[in-house]
């Protein structure tokens, strides 16, 4: 039996509110309440997405990430740290662009 999209949406909204409340009360990096709220939110989203598709052949523009997707994102964050390191030559280039009437960083 298909889930009513309106009921699934109500559950999703409640899960979003519960996740926000858990995040606001967070006690450390791996707070079990936040992790539980995260899981409930992911489940509620999947139920809503399935109900929406079953009833109206429609989907949302959102995508859930798997744990391995998060690991890939962590690898990208480490690579981005290298981009943040400016050398003195980078500063000279910025100053040269200013003197030549180019764009400046603010």
N, C-alpha and C. Protein backbone atom coordinates (compact mmCIF):
# COMPACT_ATOMS: atom_id res chain seq x y z
N UNK A 1 0.84 -1.18 0.00
CA UNK A 1 0.00 0.00 0.00
C UNK A 1 0.90 1.25 0.00
N UNK A 2 0.57 2.19 -0.85
CA UNK A 2 1.36 3.41 -0.99
C UNK A 2 1.04 4.38 0.16
N UNK A 3 2.06 5.10 0.56
CA UNK A 3 1.91 6.11 1.60
C UNK A 3 1.33 7.38 0.99
N UNK A 4 0.46 8.03 1.74
CA UNK A 4 -0.11 9.31 1.31
C UNK A 4 0.99 10.36 1.30
N UNK A 5 1.19 11.06 0.18
CA UNK A 5 2.25 12.06 0.11
C UNK A 5 2.11 13.15 1.18
N UNK A 6 0.90 13.57 1.51
CA UNK A 6 0.70 14.61 2.52
C UNK A 6 1.17 14.11 3.89
N UNK A 7 0.84 12.87 4.24
CA UNK A 7 1.28 12.30 5.51
C UNK A 7 2.80 12.16 5.54
N UNK A 8 3.38 11.76 4.41
CA UNK A 8 4.84 11.63 4.32
C UNK A 8 5.51 12.99 4.45
N UNK A 9 4.91 14.01 3.85
CA UNK A 9 5.46 15.37 3.96
C UNK A 9 5.40 15.86 5.41
N UNK A 10 4.29 15.61 6.07
CA UNK A 10 4.17 16.00 7.48
C UNK A 10 5.25 15.32 8.33
N UNK A 11 5.49 14.04 8.05
CA UNK A 11 6.54 13.32 8.78
C UNK A 11 7.92 13.91 8.48
N UNK A 12 8.15 14.27 7.23
CA UNK A 12 9.43 14.87 6.84
C UNK A 12 9.64 16.20 7.56
N UNK A 13 8.62 17.04 7.60
CA UNK A 13 8.74 18.34 8.27
C UNK A 13 9.02 18.13 9.76
N UNK A 14 8.32 17.18 10.37
CA UNK A 14 8.56 16.89 11.79
C UNK A 14 9.99 16.38 12.01
N UNK A 15 10.50 15.58 11.08
CA UNK A 15 11.87 15.08 11.18
C UNK A 15 12.89 16.21 11.02
N UNK A 16 12.60 17.16 10.15
CA UNK A 16 13.48 18.33 10.00
C UNK A 16 13.52 19.13 11.30
N UNK A 17 12.37 19.35 11.90
CA UNK A 17 12.31 20.10 13.16
C UNK A 17 13.03 19.36 14.28
N UNK A 18 12.86 18.04 14.33
CA UNK A 18 13.55 17.25 15.36
C UNK A 18 15.06 17.28 15.15
N UNK A 19 15.50 17.26 13.90
CA UNK A 19 16.93 17.31 13.61
C UNK A 19 17.52 18.66 14.04
N UNK A 20 16.80 19.73 13.76
CA UNK A 20 17.26 21.05 14.18
C UNK A 20 17.36 21.13 15.70
N UNK A 21 16.35 20.64 16.38
CA UNK A 21 16.35 20.67 17.85
C UNK A 21 17.52 19.85 18.41
N UNK A 22 17.79 18.70 17.83
CA UNK A 22 18.91 17.87 18.28
C UNK A 22 20.24 18.58 18.02
N UNK A 23 20.35 19.23 16.87
CA UNK A 23 21.59 19.95 16.55
C UNK A 23 21.81 21.11 17.52
N UNK A 24 20.74 21.77 17.90
CA UNK A 24 20.86 22.89 18.84
C UNK A 24 21.29 22.42 20.22
N UNK A 25 20.94 21.19 20.59
CA UNK A 25 21.31 20.64 21.90
C UNK A 25 22.54 19.76 21.84
N UNK A 26 23.20 19.73 20.72
CA UNK A 26 24.34 18.84 20.47
C UNK A 26 25.36 18.86 21.60
N UNK A 27 25.80 17.68 21.98
CA UNK A 27 26.81 17.52 23.02
C UNK A 27 28.00 16.73 22.46
N UNK A 28 28.77 17.37 21.64
CA UNK A 28 29.95 16.72 21.09
C UNK A 28 29.76 16.31 19.64
N UNK A 29 30.87 15.88 19.07
CA UNK A 29 30.94 15.55 17.64
C UNK A 29 30.03 14.37 17.27
N UNK A 30 29.94 13.37 18.11
CA UNK A 30 29.16 12.17 17.78
C UNK A 30 27.99 12.00 18.73
N UNK A 31 27.23 13.04 18.94
CA UNK A 31 26.07 13.00 19.82
C UNK A 31 25.05 12.00 19.27
N UNK A 32 24.67 11.00 20.07
CA UNK A 32 23.73 9.99 19.59
C UNK A 32 22.36 10.58 19.23
N UNK A 33 21.94 11.62 19.92
CA UNK A 33 20.64 12.23 19.62
C UNK A 33 20.66 12.85 18.23
N UNK A 34 21.77 13.47 17.86
CA UNK A 34 21.89 14.06 16.53
C UNK A 34 21.96 12.96 15.48
N UNK A 35 22.70 11.91 15.76
CA UNK A 35 22.79 10.80 14.82
C UNK A 35 21.42 10.14 14.61
N UNK A 36 20.66 9.96 15.69
CA UNK A 36 19.32 9.38 15.57
C UNK A 36 18.40 10.29 14.77
N UNK A 37 18.49 11.59 15.02
CA UNK A 37 17.65 12.55 14.29
C UNK A 37 18.04 12.56 12.81
N UNK A 38 19.32 12.43 12.53
CA UNK A 38 19.81 12.38 11.15
C UNK A 38 19.21 11.16 10.44
N UNK A 39 19.27 10.01 11.09
CA UNK A 39 18.73 8.79 10.51
C UNK A 39 17.23 8.89 10.28
N UNK A 40 16.52 9.44 11.26
CA UNK A 40 15.07 9.61 11.12
C UNK A 40 14.75 10.56 9.97
N UNK A 41 15.53 11.60 9.83
CA UNK A 41 15.34 12.55 8.74
C UNK A 41 15.57 11.88 7.38
N UNK A 42 16.62 11.11 7.27
CA UNK A 42 16.90 10.40 6.02
C UNK A 42 15.78 9.43 5.69
N UNK A 43 15.30 8.70 6.69
CA UNK A 43 14.19 7.76 6.46
C UNK A 43 12.93 8.50 6.03
N UNK A 44 12.61 9.58 6.69
CA UNK A 44 11.41 10.36 6.37
C UNK A 44 11.50 10.92 4.95
N UNK A 45 12.69 11.36 4.57
CA UNK A 45 12.87 11.86 3.21
C UNK A 45 12.62 10.77 2.18
N UNK A 46 13.18 9.58 2.41
CA UNK A 46 12.99 8.49 1.45
C UNK A 46 11.52 8.10 1.33
N UNK A 47 10.80 8.07 2.44
CA UNK A 47 9.38 7.74 2.41
C UNK A 47 8.63 8.81 1.61
N UNK A 48 8.95 10.07 1.85
CA UNK A 48 8.30 11.16 1.11
C UNK A 48 8.60 11.06 -0.38
N UNK A 49 9.84 10.84 -0.72
CA UNK A 49 10.25 10.76 -2.12
C UNK A 49 9.50 9.62 -2.83
N UNK A 50 9.41 8.48 -2.17
CA UNK A 50 8.71 7.34 -2.75
C UNK A 50 7.21 7.61 -2.88
N UNK A 51 6.62 8.24 -1.87
CA UNK A 51 5.19 8.55 -1.92
C UNK A 51 4.90 9.57 -3.02
N UNK A 52 5.74 10.55 -3.15
CA UNK A 52 5.57 11.57 -4.19
C UNK A 52 5.66 10.95 -5.58
N UNK A 53 6.61 10.07 -5.74
CA UNK A 53 6.78 9.42 -7.04
C UNK A 53 5.61 8.49 -7.35
N UNK A 54 5.18 7.72 -6.35
CA UNK A 54 4.07 6.78 -6.56
C UNK A 54 2.78 7.51 -6.90
N UNK A 55 2.53 8.62 -6.25
CA UNK A 55 1.27 9.33 -6.46
C UNK A 55 1.28 10.23 -7.69
N UNK A 56 2.41 10.88 -7.95
CA UNK A 56 2.42 11.93 -8.98
C UNK A 56 3.53 11.77 -10.02
N UNK A 57 4.30 10.67 -9.94
CA UNK A 57 5.41 10.47 -10.86
C UNK A 57 6.35 11.67 -10.83
N UNK A 58 6.62 12.16 -9.61
CA UNK A 58 7.44 13.35 -9.40
C UNK A 58 8.51 13.04 -8.35
N UNK A 59 9.62 13.76 -8.43
CA UNK A 59 10.71 13.61 -7.47
C UNK A 59 11.14 14.98 -6.96
N UNK A 60 11.96 15.00 -5.93
CA UNK A 60 12.51 16.24 -5.41
C UNK A 60 13.90 16.46 -6.03
N UNK A 61 14.45 17.64 -5.87
CA UNK A 61 15.80 17.89 -6.40
C UNK A 61 16.90 17.49 -5.41
N UNK A 62 16.55 16.71 -4.38
CA UNK A 62 17.50 16.37 -3.32
C UNK A 62 18.00 14.95 -3.47
N UNK A 63 19.19 14.71 -2.89
CA UNK A 63 19.81 13.40 -2.95
C UNK A 63 20.43 13.09 -1.59
N UNK A 64 20.25 11.86 -1.12
CA UNK A 64 20.88 11.44 0.13
C UNK A 64 22.28 10.93 -0.17
N UNK A 65 23.21 11.24 0.71
CA UNK A 65 24.57 10.77 0.58
C UNK A 65 24.75 9.50 1.38
N UNK A 66 25.49 8.57 0.83
CA UNK A 66 25.85 7.35 1.53
C UNK A 66 27.12 7.62 2.33
N UNK A 67 27.46 6.74 3.25
CA UNK A 67 28.66 6.92 4.07
C UNK A 67 29.91 7.04 3.22
N UNK A 68 30.02 6.27 2.15
CA UNK A 68 31.21 6.35 1.30
C UNK A 68 31.27 7.67 0.55
N UNK A 69 30.11 8.29 0.29
CA UNK A 69 30.10 9.63 -0.31
C UNK A 69 30.70 10.64 0.66
N UNK A 70 30.42 10.48 1.95
CA UNK A 70 30.97 11.39 2.95
C UNK A 70 32.47 11.23 3.05
N UNK A 71 32.98 9.99 2.91
CA UNK A 71 34.42 9.77 2.93
C UNK A 71 35.08 10.49 1.76
N UNK A 72 34.46 10.43 0.57
CA UNK A 72 34.99 11.13 -0.60
C UNK A 72 35.00 12.63 -0.36
N UNK A 73 33.97 13.16 0.30
CA UNK A 73 33.89 14.59 0.59
C UNK A 73 35.01 15.00 1.55
N UNK A 74 35.33 14.14 2.53
CA UNK A 74 36.42 14.44 3.45
C UNK A 74 37.74 14.54 2.70
N UNK A 75 37.94 13.67 1.71
CA UNK A 75 39.15 13.72 0.91
C UNK A 75 39.23 15.04 0.14
N UNK A 76 38.09 15.50 -0.37
CA UNK A 76 38.07 16.78 -1.09
C UNK A 76 38.38 17.93 -0.16
N UNK A 77 37.86 17.89 1.07
CA UNK A 77 38.12 18.96 2.03
C UNK A 77 39.61 19.07 2.32
N UNK A 78 40.29 17.93 2.43
CA UNK A 78 41.73 17.96 2.68
C UNK A 78 42.46 18.59 1.51
N UNK A 79 42.02 18.28 0.27
CA UNK A 79 42.65 18.86 -0.91
C UNK A 79 42.40 20.36 -0.98
N UNK A 80 41.21 20.82 -0.54
CA UNK A 80 40.88 22.23 -0.55
C UNK A 80 41.77 23.03 0.39
N UNK A 81 42.26 22.40 1.47
CA UNK A 81 43.14 23.10 2.39
C UNK A 81 44.40 23.57 1.69
N UNK A 82 44.88 22.78 0.72
CA UNK A 82 46.07 23.16 -0.02
C UNK A 82 45.82 24.43 -0.85
N UNK A 83 44.58 24.61 -1.31
CA UNK A 83 44.26 25.77 -2.13
C UNK A 83 44.20 27.05 -1.31
N UNK A 84 43.95 26.92 0.00
CA UNK A 84 43.83 28.09 0.86
C UNK A 84 45.19 28.70 1.20
N UNK A 85 46.25 27.93 1.02
CA UNK A 85 47.58 28.43 1.37
C UNK A 85 48.09 29.33 0.26
N UNK A 86 48.18 30.63 0.56
CA UNK A 86 48.69 31.57 -0.43
C UNK A 86 50.17 31.78 -0.19
N UNK A 87 50.88 32.00 -1.26
CA UNK A 87 52.29 32.32 -1.17
C UNK A 87 52.44 33.82 -1.31
N UNK A 88 53.59 34.38 -0.91
CA UNK A 88 53.80 35.82 -1.09
C UNK A 88 53.66 36.24 -2.55
N UNK A 89 53.99 35.34 -3.49
CA UNK A 89 53.85 35.68 -4.90
C UNK A 89 52.38 35.92 -5.25
N UNK A 90 51.47 35.17 -4.60
CA UNK A 90 50.04 35.36 -4.84
C UNK A 90 49.62 36.77 -4.44
N UNK A 91 50.13 37.25 -3.32
CA UNK A 91 49.80 38.60 -2.86
C UNK A 91 50.32 39.64 -3.86
N UNK A 92 51.54 39.42 -4.40
CA UNK A 92 52.08 40.35 -5.38
C UNK A 92 51.21 40.40 -6.63
N UNK A 93 50.67 39.25 -7.02
CA UNK A 93 49.79 39.22 -8.19
C UNK A 93 48.53 40.03 -7.93
N UNK A 94 47.98 39.92 -6.72
CA UNK A 94 46.78 40.69 -6.39
C UNK A 94 47.07 42.19 -6.44
N UNK A 95 48.24 42.59 -5.89
CA UNK A 95 48.60 44.00 -5.87
C UNK A 95 48.81 44.51 -7.29
N UNK A 96 49.40 43.69 -8.14
CA UNK A 96 49.63 44.09 -9.52
C UNK A 96 48.33 44.30 -10.27
N UNK A 97 47.35 43.46 -9.98
CA UNK A 97 46.06 43.60 -10.64
C UNK A 97 45.40 44.91 -10.21
N UNK A 98 45.59 45.29 -8.93
CA UNK A 98 45.02 46.54 -8.44
C UNK A 98 45.67 47.73 -9.15
N UNK A 99 46.98 47.69 -9.29
CA UNK A 99 47.70 48.80 -9.88
C UNK A 99 47.36 48.94 -11.37
N UNK A 100 47.06 47.82 -12.02
CA UNK A 100 46.76 47.84 -13.43
C UNK A 100 45.26 48.08 -13.69
N UNK A 101 44.49 48.33 -12.64
CA UNK A 101 43.07 48.59 -12.82
C UNK A 101 42.24 47.34 -12.90
N UNK A 102 42.81 46.19 -12.47
CA UNK A 102 42.07 44.93 -12.52
C UNK A 102 41.18 44.77 -11.30
N UNK A 103 40.63 43.61 -11.17
CA UNK A 103 39.76 43.30 -10.03
C UNK A 103 40.60 43.12 -8.78
N UNK A 104 40.04 43.53 -7.66
CA UNK A 104 40.76 43.34 -6.40
C UNK A 104 39.93 42.46 -5.50
N UNK A 105 40.62 41.78 -4.57
CA UNK A 105 39.95 40.96 -3.56
C UNK A 105 39.55 41.85 -2.41
N UNK A 106 38.42 41.56 -1.84
CA UNK A 106 37.99 42.32 -0.66
C UNK A 106 37.90 41.44 0.52
